[in-house]
Amino acid sequence: MDLQLEGKLALVSGSTAGIGYAIAEALAAEGAHVIVTGRTDKRVREAVAKIKASGARGRLEGIAADLGSAGGVRTTAERFPKVDILVNNVGIFEFKPFEQISDEEWMRVFEINVMSGVRLRRHYLPHMKQRNWGRIIFISSESAVHIPPDGIQYGMTKTAQLAVARGLAETTAETAVTVNSVLVGPTMSEGVERMLGNPSPEDRVKAEREFFRTARPTSLLRRFADAKEIAAMVTFLASPLSSATNGAAIRVEGGLLQTIV
């Protein structure tokens, strides 16, 4: 299937590793011109080189900027004033008891997970409306619905992303611009490896089984998703073929949410 992404300019925030990297790689494989972003030049250069080595058809550029800050967003927008596709993936998570979460930590996770997308969309959405085409995608989480008791601050930001995305979608009525969210389930990443204690391959199988038995028992997948599985859905949503999907929260969470809608 041709996703008609040839030459489309896509900015993926937080795309030097994990889900963001997989999305950047998938978009580039479809011929999109992809902007890889990260906090350090080294990580950005390494990610760009790796995607190029994978045989991607699309052009690749990179920028090092802290998109969790107003200054980082401003620097990025000045260098790339217009994009066709904007994927808000940058984010952080940490699990700890509610009583131990300080005011500073609440504000930090909100600043990075929510305000990064707010600021980027504030800049890019008007340009998309002027050209009457664009795709905005928030990488949210099943934690937006299934709030983890040991990560309430994280779940709160993912719920906020759904609200922001739906509200922005309402402003795109009768245009060819869409705003959607993706509810991602537990996905293997550097952060998850650390959460599991960086286990050996043998111990990782046991740790994964225990995680789904105790932390996410309703999962139908019963394993961590691969980042490429998330990227496949995001790439479709970024394409012209997804034009009838707007204001939606698309699930790629392994079936752990038990509600029908």
Protein backbone atom coordinates (compact mmCIF):
# COMPACT_ATOMS: atom_id res chain seq x y z
CA MET A 1 0.00 0.00 0.00
CA ASP A 2 1.30 3.45 -0.94
CA LEU A 3 0.76 5.73 2.06
CA GLN A 4 1.39 8.81 -0.12
CA LEU A 5 3.97 10.25 2.26
CA GLU A 6 6.66 10.93 -0.32
CA GLY A 7 8.19 14.33 0.40
CA LYS A 8 5.92 15.20 3.34
CA LEU A 9 7.86 17.08 6.04
CA ALA A 10 7.47 15.39 9.43
CA LEU A 11 8.79 16.48 12.81
CA VAL A 12 8.89 13.77 15.48
CA SER A 13 9.67 15.03 18.97
CA GLY A 14 11.86 12.79 21.11
CA SER A 15 12.90 10.58 18.21
CA THR A 16 16.42 9.39 19.03
CA ALA A 17 15.23 6.18 20.70
CA GLY A 18 12.22 4.02 21.49
CA ILE A 19 8.82 4.75 19.99
CA GLY A 20 9.88 8.13 18.60
CA TYR A 21 12.82 6.59 16.76
CA ALA A 22 10.62 3.83 15.34
CA ILE A 23 8.13 6.42 14.09
CA ALA A 24 10.86 8.50 12.45
CA GLU A 25 12.28 5.39 10.80
CA ALA A 26 8.86 4.25 9.55
CA LEU A 27 8.01 7.67 8.10
CA ALA A 28 11.40 7.89 6.38
CA ALA A 29 10.91 4.40 4.94
CA GLU A 30 7.73 5.70 3.30
CA GLY A 31 9.64 8.56 1.69
CA ALA A 32 8.79 11.34 4.14
CA HIS A 33 11.32 14.07 4.89
CA VAL A 34 11.86 13.50 8.61
CA ILE A 35 13.23 15.84 11.29
CA VAL A 36 14.75 13.83 14.13
CA THR A 37 14.85 15.63 17.47
CA GLY A 38 16.63 14.94 20.73
CA ARG A 39 18.35 16.72 23.58
CA THR A 40 21.97 16.20 22.46
CA ASP A 41 23.78 16.52 19.15
CA LYS A 42 25.39 13.13 19.65
CA ARG A 43 22.13 11.26 20.07
CA VAL A 44 20.54 13.09 17.14
CA ARG A 45 23.48 12.39 14.82
CA GLU A 46 23.53 8.72 15.80
CA ALA A 47 19.80 8.33 15.20
CA VAL A 48 19.93 10.04 11.81
CA ALA A 49 22.87 7.88 10.73
CA LYS A 50 21.13 4.71 11.87
CA ILE A 51 17.93 5.51 10.00
CA LYS A 52 19.88 6.34 6.86
CA ALA A 53 21.73 3.02 7.16
CA SER A 54 18.39 1.20 7.32
CA GLY A 55 17.77 2.14 3.70
CA ALA A 56 15.14 4.82 4.29
CA ARG A 57 13.97 6.57 1.13
CA GLY A 58 13.16 9.90 2.73
CA ARG A 59 15.47 12.79 3.47
CA LEU A 60 16.62 13.11 7.08
CA GLU A 61 17.60 16.10 9.19
CA GLY A 62 18.15 16.52 12.90
CA ILE A 63 18.06 19.18 15.58
CA ALA A 64 19.19 19.06 19.20
CA ALA A 65 16.76 20.97 21.41
CA ASP A 66 14.96 20.51 24.71
CA LEU A 67 11.36 20.42 23.51
CA GLY A 68 10.20 20.29 27.11
CA SER A 69 11.11 23.97 27.33
CA ALA A 70 9.72 27.05 25.62
CA GLY A 71 13.22 27.93 24.39
CA GLY A 72 13.72 24.53 22.78
CA VAL A 73 10.41 24.77 20.95
CA ARG A 74 11.26 28.30 19.79
CA THR A 75 14.66 27.16 18.45
CA THR A 76 13.05 24.28 16.57
CA ALA A 77 10.26 26.42 15.10
CA GLU A 78 12.76 29.03 13.92
CA ARG A 79 14.77 26.42 12.03
CA PHE A 80 11.71 24.55 10.72
CA PRO A 81 8.90 27.13 10.51
CA LYS A 82 6.42 24.82 8.73
CA VAL A 83 5.83 21.07 8.75
CA ASP A 84 3.19 18.81 7.24
CA ILE A 85 3.20 16.22 10.03
CA LEU A 86 3.80 16.78 13.72
CA VAL A 87 4.18 13.83 16.08
CA ASN A 88 4.34 14.76 19.76
CA ASN A 89 6.20 11.83 21.29
CA VAL A 90 8.62 13.44 23.75
CA GLY A 91 7.82 12.50 27.30
CA ILE A 92 9.04 11.14 30.62
CA PHE A 93 7.65 8.74 33.18
CA GLU A 94 8.54 7.76 36.69
CA PHE A 95 6.76 5.53 39.15
CA LYS A 96 6.62 6.40 42.83
CA PRO A 97 4.03 6.67 45.61
CA PHE A 98 1.73 9.68 45.36
CA GLU A 99 2.89 11.08 48.70
CA GLN A 100 6.48 11.23 47.44
CA ILE A 101 5.76 13.28 44.32
CA SER A 102 6.88 16.86 44.90
CA ASP A 103 5.33 19.98 43.39
CA GLU A 104 8.44 20.34 41.24
CA GLU A 105 8.02 16.83 39.87
CA TRP A 106 4.36 17.44 39.06
CA MET A 107 5.28 20.59 37.14
CA ARG A 108 8.24 18.96 35.38
CA VAL A 109 6.25 16.03 34.00
CA PHE A 110 3.44 18.37 32.91
CA GLU A 111 5.89 20.75 31.24
CA ILE A 112 7.51 18.00 29.20
CA ASN A 113 4.59 15.69 28.45
CA VAL A 114 1.86 18.27 27.89
CA MET A 115 3.30 21.72 27.28
CA SER A 116 5.77 20.47 24.68
CA GLY A 117 2.82 19.49 22.49
CA VAL A 118 0.85 22.62 23.32
CA ARG A 119 3.73 24.87 22.28
CA LEU A 120 4.54 22.95 19.11
CA ARG A 121 0.90 22.91 18.02
CA ARG A 122 0.47 26.60 18.79
CA HIS A 123 3.18 27.28 16.22
CA TYR A 124 2.47 24.68 13.53
CA LEU A 125 -1.32 24.29 13.48
CA PRO A 126 -2.07 27.74 11.99
CA HIS A 127 0.29 27.01 9.08
CA MET A 128 -1.42 23.68 8.45
CA LYS A 129 -4.83 25.36 8.38
CA GLN A 130 -3.57 28.02 5.96
CA ARG A 131 -2.36 25.29 3.57
CA ASN A 132 -5.44 23.16 4.29
CA TRP A 133 -3.47 19.99 5.03
CA GLY A 134 -1.70 18.59 8.02
CA ARG A 135 -1.45 15.80 10.54
CA ILE A 136 -0.98 16.23 14.28
CA ILE A 137 -0.56 13.12 16.42
CA PHE A 138 -0.18 12.91 20.19
CA ILE A 139 1.52 9.79 21.54
CA SER A 140 -0.58 9.22 24.63
CA SER A 141 -0.95 6.03 26.66
CA GLU A 142 -3.42 3.56 28.07
CA SER A 143 -2.39 5.16 31.36
CA ALA A 144 -4.60 8.07 30.31
CA VAL A 145 -7.57 5.79 31.04
CA HIS A 146 -6.06 3.14 33.30
CA ILE A 147 -4.35 5.57 35.70
CA PRO A 148 -1.46 3.76 37.42
CA PRO A 149 -1.66 4.26 41.21
CA ASP A 150 2.13 4.46 41.36
CA GLY A 151 2.34 6.92 38.47
CA ILE A 152 -0.60 9.28 38.92
CA GLN A 153 1.38 12.28 37.71
CA TYR A 154 2.21 10.44 34.47
CA GLY A 155 -1.36 9.26 33.91
CA MET A 156 -2.61 12.80 34.49
CA THR A 157 -0.45 14.14 31.67
CA LYS A 158 -1.60 11.44 29.28
CA THR A 159 -5.25 12.24 30.04
CA ALA A 160 -4.46 15.92 29.46
CA GLN A 161 -3.00 15.06 26.05
CA LEU A 162 -6.30 13.46 25.03
CA ALA A 163 -8.18 16.59 26.05
CA VAL A 164 -5.80 18.90 24.18
CA ALA A 165 -5.90 16.73 21.05
CA ARG A 166 -9.69 16.51 20.99
CA GLY A 167 -10.06 20.23 21.58
CA LEU A 168 -7.65 21.05 18.77
CA ALA A 169 -9.45 18.64 16.45
CA GLU A 170 -12.65 20.64 16.98
CA THR A 171 -10.87 23.67 15.51
CA THR A 172 -10.08 21.81 12.27
CA ALA A 173 -13.67 21.20 11.15
CA GLU A 174 -14.12 21.36 7.36
CA THR A 175 -10.37 21.34 6.72
CA ALA A 176 -7.95 18.63 5.60
CA VAL A 177 -6.07 18.91 8.91
CA THR A 178 -6.52 16.16 11.49
CA VAL A 179 -5.54 15.84 15.15
CA ASN A 180 -5.50 12.39 16.73
CA SER A 181 -4.07 10.59 19.75
CA VAL A 182 -2.61 7.11 20.03
CA LEU A 183 -3.17 5.19 23.25
CA VAL A 184 0.02 3.19 23.54
CA GLY A 185 0.26 0.14 25.77
CA PRO A 186 3.33 -1.17 27.60
CA THR A 187 6.12 -1.01 25.01
CA MET A 188 9.70 -2.19 25.31
CA SER A 189 12.09 0.76 25.50
CA GLU A 190 15.21 1.93 27.31
CA GLY A 191 13.02 3.30 30.08
CA VAL A 192 11.15 0.03 30.49
CA GLU A 193 14.42 -1.92 30.55
CA ARG A 194 15.56 0.31 33.41
CA MET A 195 12.23 -0.12 35.19
CA LEU A 196 12.69 -3.89 34.99
CA GLY A 197 16.22 -3.57 36.38
CA ASN A 198 18.06 -4.14 33.07
CA PRO A 199 17.61 -7.93 33.33
CA SER A 200 19.48 -10.58 31.36
CA PRO A 201 17.57 -12.12 28.41
CA GLU A 202 16.52 -15.06 30.57
CA ASP A 203 15.44 -12.91 33.51
CA ARG A 204 13.67 -10.49 31.20
CA VAL A 205 11.19 -13.18 30.18
CA LYS A 206 10.36 -13.79 33.84
CA ALA A 207 10.19 -10.05 34.58
CA GLU A 208 7.87 -9.47 31.62
CA ARG A 209 5.58 -12.29 32.68
CA GLU A 210 5.46 -10.97 36.24
CA PHE A 211 4.77 -7.42 35.06
CA PHE A 212 1.71 -8.47 33.11
CA ARG A 213 0.52 -10.77 35.87
CA THR A 214 0.62 -8.05 38.52
CA ALA A 215 0.62 -4.63 36.82
CA ARG A 216 -1.41 -5.15 33.62
CA PRO A 217 -3.40 -8.39 34.10
CA THR A 218 -6.13 -7.38 31.62
CA SER A 219 -3.70 -7.30 28.69
CA LEU A 220 -4.67 -9.61 25.85
CA LEU A 221 -1.25 -9.30 24.24
CA ARG A 222 0.50 -10.41 27.45
CA ARG A 223 3.84 -9.01 26.31
CA PHE A 224 5.51 -5.68 25.73
CA ALA A 225 4.74 -4.28 22.30
CA ASP A 226 7.58 -3.60 19.92
CA ALA A 227 8.05 0.08 19.09
CA LYS A 228 7.63 -0.76 15.40
CA GLU A 229 4.10 -1.97 16.10
CA ILE A 230 3.24 1.48 17.45
CA ALA A 231 5.03 3.20 14.56
CA ALA A 232 2.95 1.33 11.98
CA MET A 233 -0.28 2.84 13.31
CA VAL A 234 1.22 6.31 13.65
CA THR A 235 2.53 6.20 10.09
CA PHE A 236 -0.94 5.42 8.77
CA LEU A 237 -2.48 8.25 10.81
CA ALA A 238 0.18 10.58 9.40
CA SER A 239 -0.75 9.70 5.83
CA PRO A 240 -3.36 11.20 3.49
CA LEU A 241 -5.16 7.84 3.62
CA SER A 242 -6.34 8.55 7.18
CA SER A 243 -8.32 11.65 6.16
CA ALA A 244 -11.61 10.46 7.71
CA THR A 245 -10.05 9.91 11.15
CA ASN A 246 -10.05 13.09 13.23
CA GLY A 247 -10.41 13.76 16.95
CA ALA A 248 -9.91 10.08 17.70
CA ALA A 249 -8.01 8.23 20.41
CA ILE A 250 -6.68 5.15 18.60
CA ARG A 251 -5.73 2.15 20.73
CA VAL A 252 -2.50 0.24 20.27
CA GLU A 253 -2.45 -1.05 23.83
CA GLY A 254 -2.63 -4.80 23.49
CA GLY A 255 -6.30 -4.99 24.46
CA LEU A 256 -5.78 -4.23 28.13
CA LEU A 257 -8.49 -1.55 28.24
CA GLN A 258 -11.74 -3.43 28.77
CA THR A 259 -14.15 -0.68 27.74
CA ILE A 260 -15.75 -1.04 24.30
CA VAL A 261 -15.35 2.65 23.40
